[in-house]
Every structure is written in structure tokens, then in C-alpha cells.
Amino acid sequence: MSAAPGIAGSRRPEVEGIFVCRGEEEAEFFLQINNTGGPVDLWSVDGIDEGLLLDNGNGFVYLPGRIPAARVRLV
């Protein structure tokens, strides 16, 4: 995250991993909570084993760890 705030304005990660949207509705929600008013990048991830996704307790899922750059693309 470096010096930039998170999508909801936080200064530290909510979880140790990467939130993954399971569909367009979840992606739209994350785009709408952008409180900076600036642009937001939306990335597509290939090859995710859905069995590795963890629930953060709020109904959203994340993949613990890192995703290799070769498996993501800017939408």
C-alpha cells in the first residue's frame, strides 16, 4: 500500500491477502466504496482455486498471500 490509502481510505490492510470478487455485483460494490474520488483499477485474476478463498467475516472473500503478476490483467 505504501503511502496511498486503501480503497476505503484505510492506512493498513484489512486482511493479509487479496480480496477477490466472485462476480460483477461484488466488484461494483468495491468500486463504489472508493472514498478518494479518484480512479480505481479493476484487475481480473486467472486460475484461482476457490477452495483457497477465506471469508473475512463480512461476506467477502480473500486469497491469503500473493498472486503472481502473470495471473492478473487490468480490465
PDB file of N, CA and C in Angstrom:
ATOM      1  N   MET A   1       0.818  -1.190   0.000  1.00  0.00           N
ATOM      2  CA  MET A   1       0.000   0.000   0.000  1.00  0.00           C
ATOM      3  C   MET A   1       0.863   1.256   0.000  1.00  0.00           C
ATOM      4  N   SER A   2       2.039   1.159   0.521  1.00  0.00           N
ATOM      5  CA  SER A   2       2.943   2.300   0.550  1.00  0.00           C
ATOM      6  C   SER A   2       2.254   3.513   1.163  1.00  0.00           C
ATOM      7  N   ALA A   3       2.381   4.678   0.530  1.00  0.00           N
ATOM      8  CA  ALA A   3       1.810   5.902   1.088  1.00  0.00           C
ATOM      9  C   ALA A   3       0.351   6.098   0.704  1.00  0.00           C
ATOM     10  N   ALA A   4      -0.135   5.361  -0.283  1.00  0.00           N
ATOM     11  CA  ALA A   4      -1.516   5.523  -0.749  1.00  0.00           C
ATOM     12  C   ALA A   4      -2.479   4.800   0.189  1.00  0.00           C
ATOM     13  N   PRO A   5      -3.644   5.412   0.467  1.00  0.00           N
ATOM     14  CA  PRO A   5      -4.630   4.736   1.305  1.00  0.00           C
ATOM     15  C   PRO A   5      -5.310   3.611   0.551  1.00  0.00           C
ATOM     16  N   GLY A   6      -5.920   2.706   1.289  1.00  0.00           N
ATOM     17  CA  GLY A   6      -6.684   1.638   0.667  1.00  0.00           C
ATOM     18  C   GLY A   6      -7.958   2.180   0.046  1.00  0.00           C
ATOM     19  N   ILE A   7      -8.699   1.317  -0.644  1.00  0.00           N
ATOM     20  CA  ILE A   7      -9.890   1.750  -1.376  1.00  0.00           C
ATOM     21  C   ILE A   7     -10.928   2.385  -0.459  1.00  0.00           C
ATOM     22  N   ALA A   8     -10.979   1.960   0.802  1.00  0.00           N
ATOM     23  CA  ALA A   8     -11.926   2.554   1.749  1.00  0.00           C
ATOM     24  C   ALA A   8     -11.260   3.610   2.622  1.00  0.00           C
ATOM     25  N   GLY A   9     -10.052   4.022   2.261  1.00  0.00           N
ATOM     26  CA  GLY A   9      -9.356   5.074   2.986  1.00  0.00           C
ATOM     27  C   GLY A   9      -8.477   4.593   4.128  1.00  0.00           C
ATOM     28  N   SER A  10      -8.422   3.289   4.347  1.00  0.00           N
ATOM     29  CA  SER A  10      -7.627   2.764   5.457  1.00  0.00           C
ATOM     30  C   SER A  10      -6.136   2.883   5.159  1.00  0.00           C
ATOM     31  N   ARG A  11      -5.359   2.923   6.223  1.00  0.00           N
ATOM     32  CA  ARG A  11      -3.906   3.033   6.102  1.00  0.00           C
ATOM     33  C   ARG A  11      -3.199   1.697   6.281  1.00  0.00           C
ATOM     34  N   ARG A  12      -3.940   0.646   6.609  1.00  0.00           N
ATOM     35  CA  ARG A  12      -3.325  -0.678   6.739  1.00  0.00           C
ATOM     36  C   ARG A  12      -4.284  -1.708   6.158  1.00  0.00           C
ATOM     37  N   PRO A  13      -3.758  -2.843   5.738  1.00  0.00           N
ATOM     38  CA  PRO A  13      -4.620  -3.871   5.139  1.00  0.00           C
ATOM     39  C   PRO A  13      -5.640  -4.408   6.139  1.00  0.00           C
ATOM     40  N   GLU A  14      -6.826  -4.708   5.649  1.00  0.00           N
ATOM     41  CA  GLU A  14      -7.855  -5.323   6.490  1.00  0.00           C
ATOM     42  C   GLU A  14      -7.530  -6.789   6.744  1.00  0.00           C
ATOM     43  N   VAL A  15      -6.935  -7.439   5.752  1.00  0.00           N
ATOM     44  CA  VAL A  15      -6.541  -8.843   5.859  1.00  0.00           C
ATOM     45  C   VAL A  15      -5.170  -9.014   5.239  1.00  0.00           C
ATOM     46  N   GLU A  16      -4.516 -10.114   5.567  1.00  0.00           N
ATOM     47  CA  GLU A  16      -3.221 -10.435   4.958  1.00  0.00           C
ATOM     48  C   GLU A  16      -3.490 -11.245   3.700  1.00  0.00           C
ATOM     49  N   GLY A  17      -3.883 -10.566   2.662  1.00  0.00           N
ATOM     50  CA  GLY A  17      -4.180 -11.220   1.396  1.00  0.00           C
ATOM     51  C   GLY A  17      -4.837 -10.257   0.432  1.00  0.00           C
ATOM     52  N   ILE A  18      -5.454 -10.800  -0.609  1.00  0.00           N
ATOM     53  CA  ILE A  18      -6.061 -10.003  -1.663  1.00  0.00           C
ATOM     54  C   ILE A  18      -7.533 -10.341  -1.750  1.00  0.00           C
ATOM     55  N   PHE A  19      -8.394  -9.319  -1.602  1.00  0.00           N
ATOM     56  CA  PHE A  19      -9.817  -9.555  -1.773  1.00  0.00           C
ATOM     57  C   PHE A  19     -10.096  -9.927  -3.221  1.00  0.00           C
ATOM     58  N   VAL A  20     -10.974 -10.900  -3.406  1.00  0.00           N
ATOM     59  CA  VAL A  20     -11.336 -11.380  -4.732  1.00  0.00           C
ATOM     60  C   VAL A  20     -12.847 -11.311  -4.848  1.00  0.00           C
ATOM     61  N   CYS A  21     -13.328 -10.683  -5.895  1.00  0.00           N
ATOM     62  CA  CYS A  21     -14.770 -10.605  -6.132  1.00  0.00           C
ATOM     63  C   CYS A  21     -15.214 -11.827  -6.915  1.00  0.00           C
ATOM     64  N   ARG A  22     -16.353 -12.365  -6.517  1.00  0.00           N
ATOM     65  CA  ARG A  22     -16.880 -13.562  -7.172  1.00  0.00           C
ATOM     66  C   ARG A  22     -17.830 -13.239  -8.310  1.00  0.00           C
ATOM     67  N   GLY A  23     -18.006 -11.983  -8.606  1.00  0.00           N
ATOM     68  CA  GLY A  23     -18.885 -11.585  -9.697  1.00  0.00           C
ATOM     69  C   GLY A  23     -18.921 -10.077  -9.851  1.00  0.00           C
ATOM     70  N   GLU A  24     -19.679  -9.630 -10.854  1.00  0.00           N
ATOM     71  CA  GLU A  24     -19.750  -8.205 -11.159  1.00  0.00           C
ATOM     72  C   GLU A  24     -20.364  -7.390 -10.030  1.00  0.00           C
ATOM     73  N   GLU A  25     -21.364  -7.948  -9.318  1.00  0.00           N
ATOM     74  CA  GLU A  25     -22.002  -7.199  -8.234  1.00  0.00           C
ATOM     75  C   GLU A  25     -21.010  -6.889  -7.112  1.00  0.00           C
ATOM     76  N   GLU A  26     -20.179  -7.860  -6.741  1.00  0.00           N
ATOM     77  CA  GLU A  26     -19.179  -7.609  -5.704  1.00  0.00           C
ATOM     78  C   GLU A  26     -18.140  -6.608  -6.185  1.00  0.00           C
ATOM     79  N   ALA A  27     -17.733  -6.723  -7.437  1.00  0.00           N
ATOM     80  CA  ALA A  27     -16.753  -5.779  -7.986  1.00  0.00           C
ATOM     81  C   ALA A  27     -17.322  -4.362  -7.966  1.00  0.00           C
ATOM     82  N   GLU A  28     -18.587  -4.217  -8.339  1.00  0.00           N
ATOM     83  CA  GLU A  28     -19.237  -2.903  -8.334  1.00  0.00           C
ATOM     84  C   GLU A  28     -19.268  -2.318  -6.918  1.00  0.00           C
ATOM     85  N   PHE A  29     -19.545  -3.149  -5.922  1.00  0.00           N
ATOM     86  CA  PHE A  29     -19.549  -2.675  -4.536  1.00  0.00           C
ATOM     87  C   PHE A  29     -18.185  -2.102  -4.154  1.00  0.00           C
ATOM     88  N   PHE A  30     -17.124  -2.840  -4.449  1.00  0.00           N
ATOM     89  CA  PHE A  30     -15.788  -2.366  -4.094  1.00  0.00           C
ATOM     90  C   PHE A  30     -15.438  -1.082  -4.838  1.00  0.00           C
ATOM     91  N   LEU A  31     -15.882  -0.957  -6.071  1.00  0.00           N
ATOM     92  CA  LEU A  31     -15.630   0.273  -6.817  1.00  0.00           C
ATOM     93  C   LEU A  31     -16.390   1.447  -6.210  1.00  0.00           C
ATOM     94  N   GLN A  32     -17.586   1.209  -5.698  1.00  0.00           N
ATOM     95  CA  GLN A  32     -18.405   2.274  -5.126  1.00  0.00           C
ATOM     96  C   GLN A  32     -17.892   2.761  -3.776  1.00  0.00           C
ATOM     97  N   ILE A  33     -17.167   1.931  -3.028  1.00  0.00           N
ATOM     98  CA  ILE A  33     -16.689   2.379  -1.723  1.00  0.00           C
ATOM     99  C   ILE A  33     -15.391   3.178  -1.805  1.00  0.00           C
ATOM    100  N   ASN A  34     -14.950   3.457  -3.001  1.00  0.00           N
ATOM    101  CA  ASN A  34     -13.766   4.293  -3.180  1.00  0.00           C
ATOM    102  C   ASN A  34     -14.073   5.684  -2.635  1.00  0.00           C
ATOM    103  N   ASN A  35     -13.464   6.042  -1.507  1.00  0.00           N
ATOM    104  CA  ASN A  35     -13.762   7.345  -0.910  1.00  0.00           C
ATOM    105  C   ASN A  35     -12.766   8.426  -1.314  1.00  0.00           C
ATOM    106  N   THR A  36     -11.835   8.112  -2.185  1.00  0.00           N
ATOM    107  CA  THR A  36     -10.864   9.119  -2.602  1.00  0.00           C
ATOM    108  C   THR A  36     -11.410   9.984  -3.727  1.00  0.00           C
ATOM    109  N   GLY A  37     -12.425   9.481  -4.446  1.00  0.00           N
ATOM    110  CA  GLY A  37     -12.963  10.211  -5.585  1.00  0.00           C
ATOM    111  C   GLY A  37     -12.104  10.072  -6.823  1.00  0.00           C
ATOM    112  N   GLY A  38     -10.966   9.425  -6.694  1.00  0.00           N
ATOM    113  CA  GLY A  38     -10.068   9.250  -7.828  1.00  0.00           C
ATOM    114  C   GLY A  38     -10.323   7.950  -8.568  1.00  0.00           C
ATOM    115  N   PRO A  39      -9.542   7.707  -9.575  1.00  0.00           N
ATOM    116  CA  PRO A  39      -9.714   6.483 -10.366  1.00  0.00           C
ATOM    117  C   PRO A  39      -9.344   5.233  -9.560  1.00  0.00           C
ATOM    118  N   VAL A  40      -9.948   4.127  -9.925  1.00  0.00           N
ATOM    119  CA  VAL A  40      -9.697   2.841  -9.283  1.00  0.00           C
ATOM    120  C   VAL A  40      -9.416   1.822 -10.377  1.00  0.00           C
ATOM    121  N   ASP A  41      -8.367   1.054 -10.215  1.00  0.00           N
ATOM    122  CA  ASP A  41      -8.060  -0.010 -11.168  1.00  0.00           C
ATOM    123  C   ASP A  41      -8.857  -1.255 -10.814  1.00  0.00           C
ATOM    124  N   LEU A  42      -9.338  -1.953 -11.834  1.00  0.00           N
ATOM    125  CA  LEU A  42     -10.036  -3.223 -11.664  1.00  0.00           C
ATOM    126  C   LEU A  42      -9.220  -4.279 -12.394  1.00  0.00           C
ATOM    127  N   TRP A  43      -8.835  -5.320 -11.663  1.00  0.00           N
ATOM    128  CA  TRP A  43      -7.986  -6.372 -12.205  1.00  0.00           C
ATOM    129  C   TRP A  43      -8.745  -7.688 -12.258  1.00  0.00           C
ATOM    130  N   SER A  44      -8.469  -8.454 -13.295  1.00  0.00           N
ATOM    131  CA  SER A  44      -9.019  -9.794 -13.428  1.00  0.00           C
ATOM    132  C   SER A  44      -7.928 -10.783 -13.040  1.00  0.00           C
ATOM    133  N   VAL A  45      -8.313 -11.840 -12.328  1.00  0.00           N
ATOM    134  CA  VAL A  45      -7.345 -12.839 -11.874  1.00  0.00           C
ATOM    135  C   VAL A  45      -7.717 -14.188 -12.471  1.00  0.00           C
ATOM    136  N   ASP A  46      -6.760 -14.854 -13.056  1.00  0.00           N
ATOM    137  CA  ASP A  46      -6.972 -16.174 -13.657  1.00  0.00           C
ATOM    138  C   ASP A  46      -6.412 -17.269 -12.762  1.00  0.00           C
ATOM    139  N   GLY A  47      -7.045 -18.417 -12.795  1.00  0.00           N
ATOM    140  CA  GLY A  47      -6.507 -19.600 -12.138  1.00  0.00           C
ATOM    141  C   GLY A  47      -6.599 -19.618 -10.634  1.00  0.00           C
ATOM    142  N   ILE A  48      -7.630 -19.016 -10.062  1.00  0.00           N
ATOM    143  CA  ILE A  48      -7.799 -19.031  -8.609  1.00  0.00           C
ATOM    144  C   ILE A  48      -8.521 -20.305  -8.191  1.00  0.00           C
ATOM    145  N   ASP A  49      -7.953 -21.022  -7.247  1.00  0.00           N
ATOM    146  CA  ASP A  49      -8.619 -22.185  -6.655  1.00  0.00           C
ATOM    147  C   ASP A  49      -9.582 -21.647  -5.602  1.00  0.00           C
ATOM    148  N   GLU A  50     -10.885 -21.685  -5.902  1.00  0.00           N
ATOM    149  CA  GLU A  50     -11.876 -21.106  -4.995  1.00  0.00           C
ATOM    150  C   GLU A  50     -11.863 -21.769  -3.625  1.00  0.00           C
ATOM    151  N   GLY A  51     -11.329 -22.968  -3.523  1.00  0.00           N
ATOM    152  CA  GLY A  51     -11.223 -23.639  -2.234  1.00  0.00           C
ATOM    153  C   GLY A  51     -10.226 -22.985  -1.295  1.00  0.00           C
ATOM    154  N   LEU A  52      -9.353 -22.134  -1.828  1.00  0.00           N
ATOM    155  CA  LEU A  52      -8.360 -21.430  -1.013  1.00  0.00           C
ATOM    156  C   LEU A  52      -8.859 -20.087  -0.494  1.00  0.00           C
ATOM    157  N   LEU A  53     -10.024 -19.645  -0.979  1.00  0.00           N
ATOM    158  CA  LEU A  53     -10.559 -18.351  -0.563  1.00  0.00           C
ATOM    159  C   LEU A  53     -11.068 -18.422   0.874  1.00  0.00           C
ATOM    160  N   LEU A  54     -10.787 -17.380   1.646  1.00  0.00           N
ATOM    161  CA  LEU A  54     -11.219 -17.294   3.038  1.00  0.00           C
ATOM    162  C   LEU A  54     -12.242 -16.183   3.194  1.00  0.00           C
ATOM    163  N   ASP A  55     -13.220 -16.386   4.059  1.00  0.00           N
ATOM    164  CA  ASP A  55     -14.222 -15.375   4.360  1.00  0.00           C
ATOM    165  C   ASP A  55     -13.642 -14.424   5.398  1.00  0.00           C
ATOM    166  N   ASN A  56     -13.785 -13.119   5.173  1.00  0.00           N
ATOM    167  CA  ASN A  56     -13.235 -12.148   6.128  1.00  0.00           C
ATOM    168  C   ASN A  56     -14.190 -11.867   7.282  1.00  0.00           C
ATOM    169  N   GLY A  57     -15.325 -12.549   7.320  1.00  0.00           N
ATOM    170  CA  GLY A  57     -16.292 -12.345   8.383  1.00  0.00           C
ATOM    171  C   GLY A  57     -17.400 -11.376   8.012  1.00  0.00           C
ATOM    172  N   ASN A  58     -17.278 -10.727   6.870  1.00  0.00           N
ATOM    173  CA  ASN A  58     -18.285  -9.784   6.404  1.00  0.00           C
ATOM    174  C   ASN A  58     -18.924 -10.226   5.093  1.00  0.00           C
ATOM    175  N   GLY A  59     -18.708 -11.487   4.727  1.00  0.00           N
ATOM    176  CA  GLY A  59     -19.300 -11.997   3.498  1.00  0.00           C
ATOM    177  C   GLY A  59     -18.434 -11.840   2.262  1.00  0.00           C
ATOM    178  N   PHE A  60     -17.267 -11.221   2.400  1.00  0.00           N
ATOM    179  CA  PHE A  60     -16.347 -11.080   1.280  1.00  0.00           C
ATOM    180  C   PHE A  60     -15.225 -12.087   1.453  1.00  0.00           C
ATOM    181  N   VAL A  61     -14.629 -12.487   0.348  1.00  0.00           N
ATOM    182  CA  VAL A  61     -13.570 -13.488   0.408  1.00  0.00           C
ATOM    183  C   VAL A  61     -12.253 -12.897  -0.056  1.00  0.00           C
ATOM    184  N   TYR A  62     -11.186 -13.498   0.435  1.00  0.00           N
ATOM    185  CA  TYR A  62      -9.853 -13.076   0.032  1.00  0.00           C
ATOM    186  C   TYR A  62      -8.960 -14.295  -0.123  1.00  0.00           C
ATOM    187  N   LEU A  63      -7.923 -14.112  -0.899  1.00  0.00           N
ATOM    188  CA  LEU A  63      -6.920 -15.140  -1.097  1.00  0.00           C
ATOM    189  C   LEU A  63      -5.720 -14.770  -0.245  1.00  0.00           C
ATOM    190  N   PRO A  64      -5.374 -15.601   0.746  1.00  0.00           N
ATOM    191  CA  PRO A  64      -4.213 -15.266   1.568  1.00  0.00           C
ATOM    192  C   PRO A  64      -2.937 -15.336   0.728  1.00  0.00           C
ATOM    193  N   GLY A  65      -2.027 -14.443   0.986  1.00  0.00           N
ATOM    194  CA  GLY A  65      -0.762 -14.454   0.258  1.00  0.00           C
ATOM    195  C   GLY A  65      -0.785 -13.543  -0.952  1.00  0.00           C
ATOM    196  N   ARG A  66       0.069 -13.877  -1.904  1.00  0.00           N
ATOM    197  CA  ARG A  66       0.243 -13.055  -3.106  1.00  0.00           C
ATOM    198  C   ARG A  66      -0.265 -13.779  -4.334  1.00  0.00           C
ATOM    199  N   ILE A  67      -0.593 -13.004  -5.355  1.00  0.00           N
ATOM    200  CA  ILE A  67      -0.989 -13.554  -6.653  1.00  0.00           C
ATOM    201  C   ILE A  67       0.113 -13.185  -7.633  1.00  0.00           C
ATOM    202  N   PRO A  68       0.678 -14.154  -8.331  1.00  0.00           N
ATOM    203  CA  PRO A  68       1.740 -13.842  -9.302  1.00  0.00           C
ATOM    204  C   PRO A  68       1.244 -12.884 -10.389  1.00  0.00           C
ATOM    205  N   ALA A  69       2.081 -11.954 -10.786  1.00  0.00           N
ATOM    206  CA  ALA A  69       1.716 -10.948 -11.785  1.00  0.00           C
ATOM    207  C   ALA A  69       1.242 -11.583 -13.095  1.00  0.00           C
ATOM    208  N   ALA A  70       1.746 -12.727 -13.451  1.00  0.00           N
ATOM    209  CA  ALA A  70       1.362 -13.390 -14.689  1.00  0.00           C
ATOM    210  C   ALA A  70      -0.109 -13.831 -14.681  1.00  0.00           C
ATOM    211  N   ARG A  71      -0.743 -13.856 -13.501  1.00  0.00           N
ATOM    212  CA  ARG A  71      -2.131 -14.313 -13.403  1.00  0.00           C
ATOM    213  C   ARG A  71      -3.142 -13.178 -13.286  1.00  0.00           C
ATOM    214  N   VAL A  72      -2.680 -11.925 -13.385  1.00  0.00           N
ATOM    215  CA  VAL A  72      -3.589 -10.787 -13.319  1.00  0.00           C
ATOM    216  C   VAL A  72      -3.488  -9.937 -14.578  1.00  0.00           C
ATOM    217  N   ARG A  73      -4.619  -9.288 -14.908  1.00  0.00           N
ATOM    218  CA  ARG A  73      -4.606  -8.351 -16.039  1.00  0.00           C
ATOM    219  C   ARG A  73      -5.553  -7.207 -15.721  1.00  0.00           C
ATOM    220  N   LEU A  74      -5.196  -6.020 -16.186  1.00  0.00           N
ATOM    221  CA  LEU A  74      -6.006  -4.833 -15.979  1.00  0.00           C
ATOM    222  C   LEU A  74      -7.216  -4.904 -16.896  1.00  0.00           C
ATOM    223  N   VAL A  75      -8.412  -4.715 -16.301  1.00  0.00           N
ATOM    224  CA  VAL A  75      -9.658  -4.800 -17.078  1.00  0.00           C
ATOM    225  C   VAL A  75      -9.929  -3.464 -17.731  1.00  0.00           C
TER     226      VAL A  75
END
